[in-house]
Amino acid sequence: MLVRIGTGVVTLLAVSVLVFFGANLLPGNAAEVALGVNAGDPAALQAALQAAGLDQPVVVRYWGWLTGLLQGDLGVSMVTHQPVADLVGSRLGNTLVLTGCLLILLVPVALALGTWSAMLKDTMIDRVVGTSTMWFLSTPEFVVGTFLVVIFASWLKVLPSVSLLNPRMTALEQPNLLVLPVLTMLIVGAGQVTRLVRASTIDVLQSDFVQMAVLRGVPSRTLLLRHVLPNSLGPSVQVLGLAMGSLIGGVVVIETVFNYPGVGTMLVQAVSTRDITTVASLTILLSAAYILSNLAADLVAMVLNPQLRRGGAF
């Protein structure tokens, strides 16, 4: 586990370098965006560059941002000149609500479909589930989202096409605005997780102790509850942790598609305005969320399967 934590820290450091220096290679800068039509004024441009700290070498700016980050300071936006932590505040809560609703639905749906498909391997049901999940998995989030908007917003007119939250209310107090974003991510996420759960469950079904139980005539229900599920839950949890990478990336896309005021839309806006400090800080937060979700999945798998502790896998 210590090795995994160390690897996560090194990964975050590598991400910070790639994102910060990569963002500086983009054409334009935050000062020009902030000035707009006045960017042609040399005096105004120079003042804006100094205000944003862009008159300093990129290495100096990176070191200043990194040392502040290590002290819990996400930096100051180059465009609004406000602390990034203050800007993230409410948006982070909105993203957590969206992700929480997704996980509450995704975990039971994917586990049920994946296990059901594995238990009925090579049957018509298995082929239907496999074909459907493959279609969901191969379809980009924005395509699924657009398709759902056409059906529920344009044709049926039962849900709004965008999720512009009322800032005076929490996201949970506006559930109709959460339906389409959550449903879109559920469809895409279930495609990936279901297939991975099916594969891990089939591995358990093909193990020697399960085959012996089948030969002894153990009923299917008993086989599932006593032998298959307890041994497939660990790998299934790890599968969910691995899938969190694409789910986090999907949140950014979905929030942009539905105009949902979360961290994803904030990241896209920061890229478009060349707000490098905000881009780097948000990327680190998303990367840390992915790494922590994988560590949490490993810990849960270790608790569910004591053999992993004895085998020193962690």
C-alpha atoms as a PDB file:
ATOM      1  CA  MET A   1       0.000   0.000   0.000  1.00  0.00           C
ATOM      2  CA  LEU A   2       2.864   2.386   0.768  1.00  0.00           C
ATOM      3  CA  VAL A   3       4.231   1.714  -2.713  1.00  0.00           C
ATOM      4  CA  ARG A   4       0.856   2.602  -4.221  1.00  0.00           C
ATOM      5  CA  ILE A   5       0.676   5.822  -2.213  1.00  0.00           C
ATOM      6  CA  GLY A   6       4.197   6.750  -3.327  1.00  0.00           C
ATOM      7  CA  THR A   7       3.288   5.991  -6.939  1.00  0.00           C
ATOM      8  CA  GLY A   8       0.218   8.214  -6.587  1.00  0.00           C
ATOM      9  CA  VAL A   9       2.299  11.124  -5.302  1.00  0.00           C
ATOM     10  CA  VAL A  10       4.782  10.759  -8.172  1.00  0.00           C
ATOM     11  CA  THR A  11       1.868  10.595 -10.626  1.00  0.00           C
ATOM     12  CA  LEU A  12       0.389  13.822  -9.268  1.00  0.00           C
ATOM     13  CA  LEU A  13       3.760  15.534  -9.588  1.00  0.00           C
ATOM     14  CA  ALA A  14       4.097  14.368 -13.198  1.00  0.00           C
ATOM     15  CA  VAL A  15       0.553  15.541 -13.966  1.00  0.00           C
ATOM     16  CA  SER A  16       1.284  18.963 -12.476  1.00  0.00           C
ATOM     17  CA  VAL A  17       4.382  19.373 -14.666  1.00  0.00           C
ATOM     18  CA  LEU A  18       2.667  18.224 -17.857  1.00  0.00           C
ATOM     19  CA  VAL A  19      -0.462  20.327 -17.329  1.00  0.00           C
ATOM     20  CA  PHE A  20       1.231  23.520 -16.150  1.00  0.00           C
ATOM     21  CA  PHE A  21       3.911  23.597 -18.821  1.00  0.00           C
ATOM     22  CA  GLY A  22       1.561  22.227 -21.487  1.00  0.00           C
ATOM     23  CA  ALA A  23      -1.014  24.931 -20.788  1.00  0.00           C
ATOM     24  CA  ASN A  24       1.680  27.555 -21.286  1.00  0.00           C
ATOM     25  CA  LEU A  25       2.189  26.279 -24.837  1.00  0.00           C
ATOM     26  CA  LEU A  26      -1.373  27.217 -25.805  1.00  0.00           C
ATOM     27  CA  PRO A  27      -1.714  30.309 -28.002  1.00  0.00           C
ATOM     28  CA  GLY A  28      -2.764  33.476 -26.187  1.00  0.00           C
ATOM     29  CA  ASN A  29      -2.764  34.145 -22.463  1.00  0.00           C
ATOM     30  CA  ALA A  30      -5.051  35.190 -19.640  1.00  0.00           C
ATOM     31  CA  ALA A  31      -4.003  38.863 -19.896  1.00  0.00           C
ATOM     32  CA  GLU A  32      -5.060  39.103 -23.549  1.00  0.00           C
ATOM     33  CA  VAL A  33      -8.358  37.366 -22.805  1.00  0.00           C
ATOM     34  CA  ALA A  34      -9.072  39.688 -19.869  1.00  0.00           C
ATOM     35  CA  LEU A  35      -8.351  42.812 -21.935  1.00  0.00           C
ATOM     36  CA  GLY A  36     -10.353  41.708 -24.956  1.00  0.00           C
ATOM     37  CA  VAL A  37     -10.368  44.434 -27.605  1.00  0.00           C
ATOM     38  CA  ASN A  38      -7.912  46.488 -25.527  1.00  0.00           C
ATOM     39  CA  ALA A  39      -5.211  43.818 -25.837  1.00  0.00           C
ATOM     40  CA  GLY A  40      -3.619  45.905 -28.599  1.00  0.00           C
ATOM     41  CA  ASP A  41      -2.648  48.607 -26.097  1.00  0.00           C
ATOM     42  CA  PRO A  42       0.983  47.817 -25.087  1.00  0.00           C
ATOM     43  CA  ALA A  43       0.755  49.654 -21.763  1.00  0.00           C
ATOM     44  CA  ALA A  44      -2.511  47.961 -20.776  1.00  0.00           C
ATOM     45  CA  LEU A  45      -1.186  44.583 -21.895  1.00  0.00           C
ATOM     46  CA  GLN A  46       2.002  44.962 -19.859  1.00  0.00           C
ATOM     47  CA  ALA A  47       0.001  45.927 -16.767  1.00  0.00           C
ATOM     48  CA  ALA A  48      -2.301  42.939 -17.245  1.00  0.00           C
ATOM     49  CA  LEU A  49       0.678  40.589 -17.679  1.00  0.00           C
ATOM     50  CA  GLN A  50       2.167  41.838 -14.413  1.00  0.00           C
ATOM     51  CA  ALA A  51      -1.154  41.509 -12.581  1.00  0.00           C
ATOM     52  CA  ALA A  52      -1.465  37.896 -13.756  1.00  0.00           C
ATOM     53  CA  GLY A  53       2.180  37.132 -13.005  1.00  0.00           C
ATOM     54  CA  LEU A  54       2.813  36.297 -16.644  1.00  0.00           C
ATOM     55  CA  ASP A  55       5.838  38.595 -16.794  1.00  0.00           C
ATOM     56  CA  GLN A  56       7.790  35.958 -14.832  1.00  0.00           C
ATOM     57  CA  PRO A  57       9.452  32.860 -16.341  1.00  0.00           C
ATOM     58  CA  VAL A  58       7.219  29.790 -16.463  1.00  0.00           C
ATOM     59  CA  VAL A  59       9.558  27.836 -14.163  1.00  0.00           C
ATOM     60  CA  VAL A  60       9.274  30.534 -11.496  1.00  0.00           C
ATOM     61  CA  ARG A  61       5.491  30.593 -11.819  1.00  0.00           C
ATOM     62  CA  TYR A  62       5.294  26.786 -11.593  1.00  0.00           C
ATOM     63  CA  TRP A  63       7.469  26.671  -8.482  1.00  0.00           C
ATOM     64  CA  GLY A  64       5.414  29.378  -6.788  1.00  0.00           C
ATOM     65  CA  TRP A  65       2.178  27.543  -7.602  1.00  0.00           C
ATOM     66  CA  LEU A  66       3.558  24.152  -6.515  1.00  0.00           C
ATOM     67  CA  THR A  67       4.903  25.380  -3.175  1.00  0.00           C
ATOM     68  CA  GLY A  68       1.560  27.053  -2.481  1.00  0.00           C
ATOM     69  CA  LEU A  69      -0.273  23.849  -3.430  1.00  0.00           C
ATOM     70  CA  LEU A  70       1.798  21.833  -0.967  1.00  0.00           C
ATOM     71  CA  GLN A  71       0.611  24.249   1.724  1.00  0.00           C
ATOM     72  CA  GLY A  72      -3.035  23.826   0.713  1.00  0.00           C
ATOM     73  CA  ASP A  73      -3.222  26.974  -1.429  1.00  0.00           C
ATOM     74  CA  LEU A  74      -4.706  26.392  -4.901  1.00  0.00           C
ATOM     75  CA  GLY A  75      -3.465  29.769  -6.089  1.00  0.00           C
ATOM     76  CA  VAL A  76      -5.184  32.831  -7.520  1.00  0.00           C
ATOM     77  CA  SER A  77      -7.097  32.951 -10.796  1.00  0.00           C
ATOM     78  CA  MET A  78      -5.236  34.848 -13.492  1.00  0.00           C
ATOM     79  CA  VAL A  79      -8.510  36.170 -14.913  1.00  0.00           C
ATOM     80  CA  THR A  80     -10.687  37.064 -11.908  1.00  0.00           C
ATOM     81  CA  HIS A  81      -7.787  37.509  -9.425  1.00  0.00           C
ATOM     82  CA  GLN A  82      -9.822  35.577  -6.849  1.00  0.00           C
ATOM     83  CA  PRO A  83      -8.546  32.557  -4.882  1.00  0.00           C
ATOM     84  CA  VAL A  84      -9.173  29.374  -6.851  1.00  0.00           C
ATOM     85  CA  ALA A  85     -10.391  27.665  -3.659  1.00  0.00           C
ATOM     86  CA  ASP A  86     -13.208  30.226  -3.369  1.00  0.00           C
ATOM     87  CA  LEU A  87     -14.183  29.725  -7.010  1.00  0.00           C
ATOM     88  CA  VAL A  88     -14.204  25.935  -6.648  1.00  0.00           C
ATOM     89  CA  GLY A  89     -16.347  25.930  -3.468  1.00  0.00           C
ATOM     90  CA  SER A  90     -19.961  25.649  -4.638  1.00  0.00           C
ATOM     91  CA  ARG A  91     -19.025  24.069  -7.953  1.00  0.00           C
ATOM     92  CA  LEU A  92     -17.254  21.226  -6.178  1.00  0.00           C
ATOM     93  CA  GLY A  93     -20.402  20.563  -4.175  1.00  0.00           C
ATOM     94  CA  ASN A  94     -22.458  20.395  -7.374  1.00  0.00           C
ATOM     95  CA  THR A  95     -20.014  17.932  -8.928  1.00  0.00           C
ATOM     96  CA  LEU A  96     -20.018  15.767  -5.794  1.00  0.00           C
ATOM     97  CA  VAL A  97     -23.831  15.630  -5.888  1.00  0.00           C
ATOM     98  CA  LEU A  98     -23.744  14.594  -9.541  1.00  0.00           C
ATOM     99  CA  THR A  99     -21.073  11.948  -8.930  1.00  0.00           C
ATOM    100  CA  GLY A 100     -22.779  10.686  -5.783  1.00  0.00           C
ATOM    101  CA  CYS A 101     -26.095  10.192  -7.571  1.00  0.00           C
ATOM    102  CA  LEU A 102     -24.259   8.353 -10.342  1.00  0.00           C
ATOM    103  CA  LEU A 103     -22.475   5.954  -7.971  1.00  0.00           C
ATOM    104  CA  ILE A 104     -25.660   5.214  -6.001  1.00  0.00           C
ATOM    105  CA  LEU A 105     -27.243   3.991  -9.239  1.00  0.00           C
ATOM    106  CA  LEU A 106     -24.196   2.631 -11.051  1.00  0.00           C
ATOM    107  CA  VAL A 107     -22.903   0.224  -8.386  1.00  0.00           C
ATOM    108  CA  PRO A 108     -26.056  -1.924  -7.968  1.00  0.00           C
ATOM    109  CA  VAL A 109     -26.976  -1.767 -11.664  1.00  0.00           C
ATOM    110  CA  ALA A 110     -23.535  -2.789 -12.928  1.00  0.00           C
ATOM    111  CA  LEU A 111     -23.075  -5.490 -10.275  1.00  0.00           C
ATOM    112  CA  ALA A 112     -26.508  -6.953 -10.958  1.00  0.00           C
ATOM    113  CA  LEU A 113     -26.186  -6.905 -14.756  1.00  0.00           C
ATOM    114  CA  GLY A 114     -22.599  -8.155 -14.741  1.00  0.00           C
ATOM    115  CA  THR A 115     -23.319 -11.020 -12.345  1.00  0.00           C
ATOM    116  CA  TRP A 116     -26.563 -11.952 -14.111  1.00  0.00           C
ATOM    117  CA  SER A 117     -24.846 -12.000 -17.497  1.00  0.00           C
ATOM    118  CA  ALA A 118     -21.983 -14.134 -16.153  1.00  0.00           C
ATOM    119  CA  MET A 119     -24.342 -16.648 -14.536  1.00  0.00           C
ATOM    120  CA  LEU A 120     -26.161 -16.986 -17.879  1.00  0.00           C
ATOM    121  CA  LYS A 121     -23.024 -17.077 -20.020  1.00  0.00           C
ATOM    122  CA  ASP A 122     -23.548 -17.785 -23.735  1.00  0.00           C
ATOM    123  CA  THR A 123     -27.335 -17.521 -23.447  1.00  0.00           C
ATOM    124  CA  MET A 124     -29.559 -15.067 -25.292  1.00  0.00           C
ATOM    125  CA  ILE A 125     -29.708 -12.813 -22.213  1.00  0.00           C
ATOM    126  CA  ASP A 126     -25.910 -12.748 -22.015  1.00  0.00           C
ATOM    127  CA  ARG A 127     -25.653 -11.804 -25.677  1.00  0.00           C
ATOM    128  CA  VAL A 128     -28.259  -9.034 -25.307  1.00  0.00           C
ATOM    129  CA  VAL A 129     -26.474  -7.597 -22.262  1.00  0.00           C
ATOM    130  CA  GLY A 130     -23.081  -7.905 -23.983  1.00  0.00           C
ATOM    131  CA  THR A 131     -24.265  -6.202 -27.173  1.00  0.00           C
ATOM    132  CA  SER A 132     -26.037  -3.410 -25.278  1.00  0.00           C
ATOM    133  CA  THR A 133     -23.102  -2.677 -22.996  1.00  0.00           C
ATOM    134  CA  MET A 134     -20.712  -2.695 -25.943  1.00  0.00           C
ATOM    135  CA  TRP A 135     -22.876  -0.103 -27.676  1.00  0.00           C
ATOM    136  CA  PHE A 136     -23.033   2.026 -24.523  1.00  0.00           C
ATOM    137  CA  LEU A 137     -19.282   1.692 -24.000  1.00  0.00           C
ATOM    138  CA  SER A 138     -18.376   2.678 -27.553  1.00  0.00           C
ATOM    139  CA  THR A 139     -20.695   5.698 -27.724  1.00  0.00           C
ATOM    140  CA  PRO A 140     -19.220   9.035 -26.512  1.00  0.00           C
ATOM    141  CA  GLU A 141     -20.932  10.755 -23.607  1.00  0.00           C
ATOM    142  CA  PHE A 142     -21.904  13.803 -25.649  1.00  0.00           C
ATOM    143  CA  VAL A 143     -23.659  11.608 -28.230  1.00  0.00           C
ATOM    144  CA  VAL A 144     -25.660   9.775 -25.550  1.00  0.00           C
ATOM    145  CA  GLY A 145     -26.461  13.081 -23.861  1.00  0.00           C
ATOM    146  CA  THR A 146     -27.634  14.669 -27.112  1.00  0.00           C
ATOM    147  CA  PHE A 147     -29.773  11.625 -27.878  1.00  0.00           C
ATOM    148  CA  LEU A 148     -31.447  11.812 -24.461  1.00  0.00           C
ATOM    149  CA  VAL A 149     -32.052  15.551 -24.854  1.00  0.00           C
ATOM    150  CA  VAL A 150     -33.799  14.939 -28.168  1.00  0.00           C
ATOM    151  CA  ILE A 151     -36.046  12.291 -26.611  1.00  0.00           C
ATOM    152  CA  PHE A 152     -36.899  13.768 -23.199  1.00  0.00           C
ATOM    153  CA  ALA A 153     -36.559  17.511 -23.861  1.00  0.00           C
ATOM    154  CA  SER A 154     -37.533  17.948 -27.515  1.00  0.00           C
ATOM    155  CA  TRP A 155     -39.999  15.125 -28.154  1.00  0.00           C
ATOM    156  CA  LEU A 156     -41.552  14.290 -24.776  1.00  0.00           C
ATOM    157  CA  LYS A 157     -40.884  17.721 -23.214  1.00  0.00           C
ATOM    158  CA  VAL A 158     -40.700  16.241 -19.709  1.00  0.00           C
ATOM    159  CA  LEU A 159     -37.160  17.344 -18.771  1.00  0.00           C
ATOM    160  CA  PRO A 160     -35.083  20.493 -19.388  1.00  0.00           C
ATOM    161  CA  SER A 161     -32.396  20.309 -22.050  1.00  0.00           C
ATOM    162  CA  VAL A 162     -29.828  22.101 -19.873  1.00  0.00           C
ATOM    163  CA  SER A 163     -29.062  21.933 -16.163  1.00  0.00           C
ATOM    164  CA  LEU A 164     -28.693  25.582 -15.181  1.00  0.00           C
ATOM    165  CA  LEU A 165     -29.015  25.389 -11.398  1.00  0.00           C
ATOM    166  CA  ASN A 166     -30.610  28.115  -9.341  1.00  0.00           C
ATOM    167  CA  PRO A 167     -27.715  29.368  -7.156  1.00  0.00           C
ATOM    168  CA  ARG A 168     -30.137  30.021  -4.314  1.00  0.00           C
ATOM    169  CA  MET A 169     -30.964  26.307  -4.107  1.00  0.00           C
ATOM    170  CA  THR A 170     -28.827  23.220  -3.723  1.00  0.00           C
ATOM    171  CA  ALA A 171     -28.483  20.711  -6.552  1.00  0.00           C
ATOM    172  CA  LEU A 172     -30.503  18.133  -4.603  1.00  0.00           C
ATOM    173  CA  GLU A 173     -33.382  20.597  -4.369  1.00  0.00           C
ATOM    174  CA  GLN A 174     -33.549  20.640  -8.176  1.00  0.00           C
ATOM    175  CA  PRO A 175     -33.705  16.910  -9.025  1.00  0.00           C
ATOM    176  CA  ASN A 176     -35.245  17.443 -12.462  1.00  0.00           C
ATOM    177  CA  LEU A 177     -32.014  19.153 -13.539  1.00  0.00           C
ATOM    178  CA  LEU A 178     -29.961  16.134 -12.444  1.00  0.00           C
ATOM    179  CA  VAL A 179     -31.884  13.456 -14.324  1.00  0.00           C
ATOM    180  CA  LEU A 180     -30.387  13.790 -17.812  1.00  0.00           C
ATOM    181  CA  PRO A 181     -26.745  14.297 -16.731  1.00  0.00           C
ATOM    182  CA  VAL A 182     -26.902  11.354 -14.313  1.00  0.00           C
ATOM    183  CA  LEU A 183     -28.742   9.146 -16.798  1.00  0.00           C
ATOM    184  CA  THR A 184     -26.180   9.899 -19.497  1.00  0.00           C
ATOM    185  CA  MET A 185     -23.239   8.988 -17.262  1.00  0.00           C
ATOM    186  CA  LEU A 186     -25.094   5.926 -15.968  1.00  0.00           C
ATOM    187  CA  ILE A 187     -25.611   4.553 -19.468  1.00  0.00           C
ATOM    188  CA  VAL A 188     -21.985   5.031 -20.482  1.00  0.00           C
ATOM    189  CA  GLY A 189     -20.529   3.973 -17.123  1.00  0.00           C
ATOM    190  CA  ALA A 190     -22.737   0.892 -16.834  1.00  0.00           C
ATOM    191  CA  GLY A 191     -21.479  -0.289 -20.216  1.00  0.00           C
ATOM    192  CA  GLN A 192     -17.870  -0.349 -19.042  1.00  0.00           C
ATOM    193  CA  VAL A 193     -18.345  -1.541 -15.458  1.00  0.00           C
ATOM    194  CA  THR A 194     -20.870  -4.260 -16.357  1.00  0.00           C
ATOM    195  CA  ARG A 195     -18.506  -5.868 -18.838  1.00  0.00           C
ATOM    196  CA  LEU A 196     -15.627  -5.813 -16.354  1.00  0.00           C
ATOM    197  CA  VAL A 197     -17.807  -7.235 -13.556  1.00  0.00           C
ATOM    198  CA  ARG A 198     -18.988  -9.982 -15.903  1.00  0.00           C
ATOM    199  CA  ALA A 199     -15.389 -10.927 -16.712  1.00  0.00           C
ATOM    200  CA  SER A 200     -14.349 -11.077 -13.041  1.00  0.00           C
ATOM    201  CA  THR A 201     -17.461 -13.090 -12.123  1.00  0.00           C
ATOM    202  CA  ILE A 202     -16.786 -15.598 -14.898  1.00  0.00           C
ATOM    203  CA  ASP A 203     -13.278 -16.088 -13.484  1.00  0.00           C
ATOM    204  CA  VAL A 204     -14.845 -16.970 -10.115  1.00  0.00           C
ATOM    205  CA  LEU A 205     -17.384 -19.291 -11.745  1.00  0.00           C
ATOM    206  CA  GLN A 206     -14.560 -21.165 -13.464  1.00  0.00           C
ATOM    207  CA  SER A 207     -12.576 -21.617 -10.238  1.00  0.00           C
ATOM    208  CA  ASP A 208     -12.160 -25.115  -8.793  1.00  0.00           C
ATOM    209  CA  PHE A 209     -14.228 -24.613  -5.628  1.00  0.00           C
ATOM    210  CA  VAL A 210     -17.222 -23.314  -7.600  1.00  0.00           C
ATOM    211  CA  GLN A 211     -16.968 -26.170 -10.101  1.00  0.00           C
ATOM    212  CA  MET A 212     -16.922 -28.654  -7.209  1.00  0.00           C
ATOM    213  CA  ALA A 213     -20.008 -26.997  -5.735  1.00  0.00           C
ATOM    214  CA  VAL A 214     -21.775 -27.371  -9.087  1.00  0.00           C
ATOM    215  CA  LEU A 215     -20.848 -31.067  -9.243  1.00  0.00           C
ATOM    216  CA  ARG A 216     -22.254 -31.552  -5.743  1.00  0.00           C
ATOM    217  CA  GLY A 217     -25.561 -30.195  -6.999  1.00  0.00           C
ATOM    218  CA  VAL A 218     -25.601 -26.954  -5.011  1.00  0.00           C
ATOM    219  CA  PRO A 219     -28.684 -24.914  -6.063  1.00  0.00           C
ATOM    220  CA  SER A 220     -27.999 -21.873  -8.238  1.00  0.00           C
ATOM    221  CA  ARG A 221     -29.261 -19.420  -5.604  1.00  0.00           C
ATOM    222  CA  THR A 222     -27.031 -20.918  -2.900  1.00  0.00           C
ATOM    223  CA  LEU A 223     -24.114 -21.047  -5.331  1.00  0.00           C
ATOM    224  CA  LEU A 224     -24.526 -17.368  -6.123  1.00  0.00           C
ATOM    225  CA  LEU A 225     -24.975 -16.117  -2.553  1.00  0.00           C
ATOM    226  CA  ARG A 226     -22.451 -18.326  -0.756  1.00  0.00           C
ATOM    227  CA  HIS A 227     -19.741 -18.949  -3.310  1.00  0.00           C
ATOM    228  CA  VAL A 228     -19.831 -16.522  -6.242  1.00  0.00           C
ATOM    229  CA  LEU A 229     -20.753 -13.126  -4.771  1.00  0.00           C
ATOM    230  CA  PRO A 230     -18.419 -13.220  -1.735  1.00  0.00           C
ATOM    231  CA  ASN A 231     -15.463 -14.008  -4.001  1.00  0.00           C
ATOM    232  CA  SER A 232     -16.366 -11.687  -6.879  1.00  0.00           C
ATOM    233  CA  LEU A 233     -17.102  -8.589  -4.802  1.00  0.00           C
ATOM    234  CA  GLY A 234     -13.410  -7.832  -4.239  1.00  0.00           C
ATOM    235  CA  PRO A 235     -12.465  -7.838  -7.941  1.00  0.00           C
ATOM    236  CA  SER A 236     -15.699  -5.993  -8.764  1.00  0.00           C
ATOM    237  CA  VAL A 237     -14.834  -3.182  -6.348  1.00  0.00           C
ATOM    238  CA  GLN A 238     -11.377  -2.900  -7.916  1.00  0.00           C
ATOM    239  CA  VAL A 239     -13.015  -2.799 -11.344  1.00  0.00           C
ATOM    240  CA  LEU A 240     -15.159   0.122 -10.195  1.00  0.00           C
ATOM    241  CA  GLY A 241     -12.037   1.914  -8.971  1.00  0.00           C
ATOM    242  CA  LEU A 242     -10.372   1.453 -12.344  1.00  0.00           C
ATOM    243  CA  ALA A 243     -13.479   2.758 -14.094  1.00  0.00           C
ATOM    244  CA  MET A 244     -13.401   5.967 -12.048  1.00  0.00           C
ATOM    245  CA  GLY A 245     -10.836   7.441 -14.447  1.00  0.00           C
ATOM    246  CA  SER A 246     -13.233   7.433 -17.370  1.00  0.00           C
ATOM    247  CA  LEU A 247     -16.123   8.462 -15.111  1.00  0.00           C
ATOM    248  CA  ILE A 248     -14.224  11.529 -13.897  1.00  0.00           C
ATOM    249  CA  GLY A 249     -13.412  12.442 -17.486  1.00  0.00           C
ATOM    250  CA  GLY A 250     -17.062  11.847 -18.346  1.00  0.00           C
ATOM    251  CA  VAL A 251     -18.156  14.303 -15.655  1.00  0.00           C
ATOM    252  CA  VAL A 252     -16.198  17.070 -17.404  1.00  0.00           C
ATOM    253  CA  VAL A 253     -17.861  16.278 -20.733  1.00  0.00           C
ATOM    254  CA  ILE A 254     -21.367  15.895 -19.314  1.00  0.00           C
ATOM    255  CA  GLU A 255     -21.217  19.086 -17.283  1.00  0.00           C
ATOM    256  CA  THR A 256     -20.187  20.943 -20.435  1.00  0.00           C
ATOM    257  CA  VAL A 257     -22.919  19.345 -22.556  1.00  0.00           C
ATOM    258  CA  PHE A 258     -25.669  20.194 -20.061  1.00  0.00           C
ATOM    259  CA  ASN A 259     -24.222  23.518 -18.841  1.00  0.00           C
ATOM    260  CA  TYR A 260     -24.106  22.075 -15.342  1.00  0.00           C
ATOM    261  CA  PRO A 261     -22.230  24.471 -13.006  1.00  0.00           C
ATOM    262  CA  GLY A 262     -19.615  22.081 -11.665  1.00  0.00           C
ATOM    263  CA  VAL A 263     -15.866  21.593 -11.634  1.00  0.00           C
ATOM    264  CA  GLY A 264     -15.944  20.248 -15.199  1.00  0.00           C
ATOM    265  CA  THR A 265     -17.442  23.381 -16.730  1.00  0.00           C
ATOM    266  CA  MET A 266     -15.100  25.494 -14.626  1.00  0.00           C
ATOM    267  CA  LEU A 267     -12.134  23.574 -16.059  1.00  0.00           C
ATOM    268  CA  VAL A 268     -13.337  24.055 -19.629  1.00  0.00           C
ATOM    269  CA  GLN A 269     -13.873  27.772 -19.033  1.00  0.00           C
ATOM    270  CA  ALA A 270     -10.418  28.086 -17.485  1.00  0.00           C
ATOM    271  CA  VAL A 271      -8.825  26.457 -20.536  1.00  0.00           C
ATOM    272  CA  SER A 272     -10.686  28.784 -22.895  1.00  0.00           C
ATOM    273  CA  THR A 273      -9.547  31.854 -20.927  1.00  0.00           C
ATOM    274  CA  ARG A 274      -5.971  30.496 -20.553  1.00  0.00           C
ATOM    275  CA  ASP A 275      -6.269  30.663 -16.760  1.00  0.00           C
ATOM    276  CA  ILE A 276      -3.291  28.383 -16.165  1.00  0.00           C
ATOM    277  CA  THR A 277      -3.408  28.468 -12.366  1.00  0.00           C
ATOM    278  CA  THR A 278      -7.041  27.372 -12.320  1.00  0.00           C
ATOM    279  CA  VAL A 279      -6.461  24.709 -14.982  1.00  0.00           C
ATOM    280  CA  ALA A 280      -3.529  23.206 -13.080  1.00  0.00           C
ATOM    281  CA  SER A 281      -5.306  23.275  -9.700  1.00  0.00           C
ATOM    282  CA  LEU A 282      -8.510  21.685 -11.007  1.00  0.00           C
ATOM    283  CA  THR A 283      -6.562  19.014 -12.899  1.00  0.00           C
ATOM    284  CA  ILE A 284      -4.676  18.123  -9.731  1.00  0.00           C
ATOM    285  CA  LEU A 285      -7.952  17.858  -7.804  1.00  0.00           C
ATOM    286  CA  LEU A 286      -9.478  15.546 -10.432  1.00  0.00           C
ATOM    287  CA  SER A 287      -6.304  13.450 -10.619  1.00  0.00           C
ATOM    288  CA  ALA A 288      -6.178  13.159  -6.833  1.00  0.00           C
ATOM    289  CA  ALA A 289      -9.828  12.059  -6.811  1.00  0.00           C
ATOM    290  CA  TYR A 290      -9.009   9.286  -9.285  1.00  0.00           C
ATOM    291  CA  ILE A 291      -5.977   8.094  -7.315  1.00  0.00           C
ATOM    292  CA  LEU A 292      -7.847   8.176  -3.991  1.00  0.00           C
ATOM    293  CA  SER A 293     -10.773   6.240  -5.477  1.00  0.00           C
ATOM    294  CA  ASN A 294      -8.378   3.529  -6.630  1.00  0.00           C
ATOM    295  CA  LEU A 295      -6.711   3.375  -3.212  1.00  0.00           C
ATOM    296  CA  ALA A 296     -10.127   3.169  -1.543  1.00  0.00           C
ATOM    297  CA  ALA A 297     -11.156   0.370  -3.918  1.00  0.00           C
ATOM    298  CA  ASP A 298      -7.954  -1.531  -3.083  1.00  0.00           C
ATOM    299  CA  LEU A 299      -8.610  -1.165   0.647  1.00  0.00           C
ATOM    300  CA  VAL A 300     -12.198  -2.391   0.304  1.00  0.00           C
ATOM    301  CA  ALA A 301     -11.030  -5.342  -1.810  1.00  0.00           C
ATOM    302  CA  MET A 302      -8.442  -6.160   0.857  1.00  0.00           C
ATOM    303  CA  VAL A 303     -11.135  -6.138   3.561  1.00  0.00           C
ATOM    304  CA  LEU A 304     -13.439  -8.352   1.478  1.00  0.00           C
ATOM    305  CA  ASN A 305     -10.654 -10.792   0.591  1.00  0.00           C
ATOM    306  CA  PRO A 306      -8.252 -11.493   3.495  1.00  0.00           C
ATOM    307  CA  GLN A 307      -6.057 -13.571   1.144  1.00  0.00           C
ATOM    308  CA  LEU A 308      -4.853 -10.310  -0.386  1.00  0.00           C
ATOM    309  CA  ARG A 309      -3.512  -9.217   3.003  1.00  0.00           C
ATOM    310  CA  ARG A 310      -1.813 -12.537   3.648  1.00  0.00           C
ATOM    311  CA  GLY A 311      -0.419 -12.611   0.138  1.00  0.00           C
ATOM    312  CA  GLY A 312       1.139  -9.158   0.507  1.00  0.00           C
ATOM    313  CA  ALA A 313      -0.594  -7.856  -2.618  1.00  0.00           C
ATOM    314  CA  PHE A 314      -0.937  -4.491  -0.929  1.00  0.00           C
END
